[in-house]
Amino acid sequence: MPQTHPVVKTATSAASAPSMELSIEERLALINTVMTARLDEAAVAYEVNTAHIPTEPLDLADVVTGPVDTRPAPLPEPYPTPVAALLQRAHHRLLTGGWCSGVLVDEDGARCMLGAIRAEAGGDSGLEASAVAVLLDAIRRRFGDNVDSVPSFNDAFATGRTPLRMVDQAAHLADARGL
């Protein structure tokens, strides 16, 4: 008698089940659920791994401080000579009141180099002229003899960094000369 083998039909689930595609919102929700579970596991693992580390409570007074003092810096010890002291005050005025170009004093109260010297001279034209002469000499030492005047030098810059430095150097020069 011949042997017969039973025929077994195997159906693949992919072939028999209709394909179902998830929308973007459903995929994002699924990913959010998986990531939340992973983050929760990581948080628990962190707590377990760091539980043995001793910690001191943090005093917020050590961390939180009050506002920084924003008042202008006090004028340093003035030079003993009048021209050097005038240039030092003019430098301090430019630092605290602001620097400008094109005018002696702008609408905000900032001054150019000559405007600061004139304000600090207090009407003493001889002292003002001496300070401007020393400043022009300091400028010419650094930038050459092609500088015509203090106002033209001042107006040649977009920022006050170099003009302020030159007023400070002129104060040092006047002090060295005993002026």
Protein backbone atom coordinates (compact mmCIF):
# COMPACT_ATOMS: atom_id res chain seq x y z
CA MET A 1 0.00 0.00 0.00
CA PRO A 2 1.34 3.31 -0.90
CA GLN A 3 2.10 5.78 1.82
CA THR A 4 0.44 9.10 1.65
CA HIS A 5 1.71 12.15 3.37
CA PRO A 6 -0.71 14.57 4.72
CA VAL A 7 -0.57 17.94 3.05
CA VAL A 8 0.03 20.68 5.53
CA LYS A 9 -0.88 24.13 4.53
CA THR A 10 1.17 26.80 6.26
CA ALA A 11 0.07 30.32 5.99
CA THR A 12 2.35 33.12 6.84
CA SER A 13 0.90 35.69 9.10
CA ALA A 14 2.26 38.50 6.95
CA ALA A 15 0.56 37.18 3.90
CA SER A 16 -2.77 36.56 5.54
CA ALA A 17 -2.97 39.62 7.83
CA PRO A 18 -3.77 42.92 6.22
CA SER A 19 -0.90 45.40 6.50
CA MET A 20 -1.57 48.22 8.92
CA GLU A 21 0.47 51.39 8.76
CA LEU A 22 0.67 53.80 11.69
CA SER A 23 0.09 57.48 11.23
CA ILE A 24 2.79 59.96 12.21
CA GLU A 25 0.92 60.91 15.38
CA GLU A 26 0.62 57.26 16.40
CA ARG A 27 4.31 56.64 15.74
CA LEU A 28 5.28 59.73 17.78
CA ALA A 29 3.04 58.61 20.64
CA LEU A 30 4.62 55.16 20.56
CA ILE A 31 8.15 56.60 20.54
CA ASN A 32 7.21 58.98 23.38
CA THR A 33 5.99 56.03 25.45
CA VAL A 34 9.16 54.03 24.82
CA MET A 35 11.44 57.01 25.59
CA THR A 36 9.55 57.85 28.78
CA ALA A 37 10.00 54.28 29.98
CA ARG A 38 13.74 54.42 29.19
CA LEU A 39 14.15 57.75 31.01
CA ASP A 40 12.31 56.40 34.04
CA GLU A 41 14.63 53.39 34.11
CA ALA A 42 17.68 55.65 33.81
CA ALA A 43 16.45 57.86 36.66
CA VAL A 44 16.00 54.85 38.92
CA ALA A 45 19.44 53.52 37.97
CA TYR A 46 21.00 56.91 38.72
CA GLU A 47 19.35 57.03 42.14
CA VAL A 48 20.53 53.52 42.94
CA ASN A 49 24.08 54.18 41.72
CA THR A 50 24.48 57.46 43.63
CA ALA A 51 22.65 56.59 46.86
CA HIS A 52 25.91 55.81 48.65
CA ILE A 53 27.50 59.23 47.95
CA PRO A 54 27.24 61.52 50.98
CA THR A 55 26.02 65.04 50.22
CA GLU A 56 25.81 68.19 52.27
CA PRO A 57 22.74 70.38 52.01
CA LEU A 58 23.32 73.47 49.92
CA ASP A 59 22.85 76.84 51.57
CA LEU A 60 21.26 79.18 49.02
CA ALA A 61 22.86 82.18 50.72
CA ASP A 62 26.19 80.89 49.41
CA VAL A 63 24.87 80.77 45.86
CA VAL A 64 22.40 83.63 45.52
CA THR A 65 24.03 87.02 45.82
CA GLY A 66 22.69 90.54 45.64
CA PRO A 67 23.04 92.83 42.65
CA VAL A 68 26.51 93.85 41.56
CA ASP A 69 27.59 97.36 42.44
CA THR A 70 27.32 99.25 39.14
CA ARG A 71 28.35 102.67 40.37
CA PRO A 72 31.33 104.24 38.59
CA ALA A 73 34.70 103.33 39.95
CA PRO A 74 36.14 105.96 42.27
CA LEU A 75 38.77 108.29 40.88
CA PRO A 76 42.23 106.89 41.63
CA GLU A 77 44.72 108.87 43.67
CA PRO A 78 45.12 112.09 41.68
CA TYR A 79 48.44 113.12 40.22
CA PRO A 80 50.15 115.88 42.21
CA THR A 81 50.72 118.10 39.17
CA PRO A 82 47.82 120.17 37.75
CA VAL A 83 47.99 119.15 34.05
CA ALA A 84 48.42 115.46 34.88
CA ALA A 85 45.54 115.63 37.39
CA LEU A 86 43.35 117.37 34.77
CA LEU A 87 44.08 114.68 32.18
CA GLN A 88 43.43 111.98 34.78
CA ARG A 89 40.03 113.52 35.63
CA ALA A 90 39.22 113.82 31.92
CA HIS A 91 40.08 110.14 31.45
CA HIS A 92 37.85 109.21 34.37
CA ARG A 93 35.03 111.35 32.96
CA LEU A 94 35.30 109.57 29.62
CA LEU A 95 35.24 106.19 31.35
CA THR A 96 32.19 106.96 33.47
CA GLY A 97 30.27 109.42 31.31
CA GLY A 98 30.93 107.96 27.90
CA TRP A 99 32.90 108.85 24.82
CA CYS A 100 31.61 110.35 21.57
CA SER A 101 32.95 111.68 18.29
CA GLY A 102 31.90 114.53 16.05
CA VAL A 103 30.75 116.85 18.87
CA LEU A 104 32.11 118.07 22.19
CA VAL A 105 29.08 116.68 24.05
CA ASP A 106 26.39 114.46 22.54
CA GLU A 107 22.71 114.30 23.55
CA ASP A 108 23.42 111.54 26.09
CA GLY A 109 26.13 113.56 27.85
CA ALA A 110 29.06 111.61 26.44
CA ARG A 111 32.09 113.74 25.57
CA CYS A 112 34.95 113.70 23.14
CA MET A 113 38.55 114.01 24.34
CA LEU A 114 38.57 117.81 24.07
CA GLY A 115 35.11 118.06 25.63
CA ALA A 116 36.21 116.04 28.67
CA ILE A 117 39.34 118.19 29.11
CA ARG A 118 37.32 121.39 28.77
CA ALA A 119 34.73 120.19 31.31
CA GLU A 120 37.39 119.20 33.83
CA ALA A 121 39.43 122.40 33.33
CA GLY A 122 36.59 124.41 34.85
CA GLY A 123 37.15 127.47 32.69
CA ASP A 124 40.93 127.69 33.17
CA SER A 125 41.93 128.14 29.52
CA GLY A 126 45.68 128.06 30.28
CA LEU A 127 45.38 124.71 32.05
CA GLU A 128 43.15 123.42 29.26
CA ALA A 129 45.66 124.51 26.57
CA SER A 130 48.54 122.84 28.43
CA ALA A 131 46.58 119.59 28.78
CA VAL A 132 45.62 119.59 25.08
CA ALA A 133 49.27 120.25 24.12
CA VAL A 134 50.50 117.31 26.20
CA LEU A 135 47.73 115.11 24.79
CA LEU A 136 48.63 116.06 21.22
CA ASP A 137 52.28 115.34 21.97
CA ALA A 138 51.39 111.90 23.37
CA ILE A 139 49.26 111.19 20.28
CA ARG A 140 52.04 112.24 17.91
CA ARG A 141 54.56 110.09 19.78
CA ARG A 142 52.36 107.07 19.20
CA PHE A 143 50.80 107.81 15.77
CA GLY A 144 53.31 110.12 14.09
CA ASP A 145 53.36 113.81 13.18
CA ASN A 146 50.56 113.51 10.63
CA VAL A 147 47.94 114.03 13.36
CA ASP A 148 46.64 117.61 12.98
CA SER A 149 44.67 118.09 16.18
CA VAL A 150 43.09 116.38 19.14
CA PRO A 151 39.53 116.69 17.69
CA SER A 152 40.59 115.19 14.33
CA PHE A 153 42.30 112.31 16.13
CA ASN A 154 39.22 111.76 18.31
CA ASP A 155 36.86 111.74 15.31
CA ALA A 156 39.00 109.23 13.40
CA PHE A 157 37.84 106.38 15.66
CA ALA A 158 34.55 104.46 15.78
CA THR A 159 35.04 103.39 19.41
CA GLY A 160 36.57 105.20 22.35
CA ARG A 161 39.12 102.56 23.27
CA THR A 162 42.14 104.22 21.64
CA PRO A 163 41.20 107.82 22.51
CA LEU A 164 40.70 106.87 26.17
CA ARG A 165 44.02 105.07 26.24
CA MET A 166 45.73 108.14 24.79
CA VAL A 167 44.24 110.44 27.45
CA ASP A 168 45.53 108.07 30.13
CA GLN A 169 48.98 107.96 28.52
CA ALA A 170 49.00 111.77 28.29
CA ALA A 171 48.30 111.95 32.04
CA HIS A 172 51.31 109.71 32.67
CA LEU A 173 53.42 111.85 30.33
CA ALA A 174 52.36 115.10 32.04
CA ASP A 175 53.18 113.59 35.43
CA ALA A 176 56.60 112.48 34.18
CA ARG A 177 57.26 116.00 32.92
CA GLY A 178 56.11 117.52 36.21
CA LEU A 179 53.28 119.46 34.55
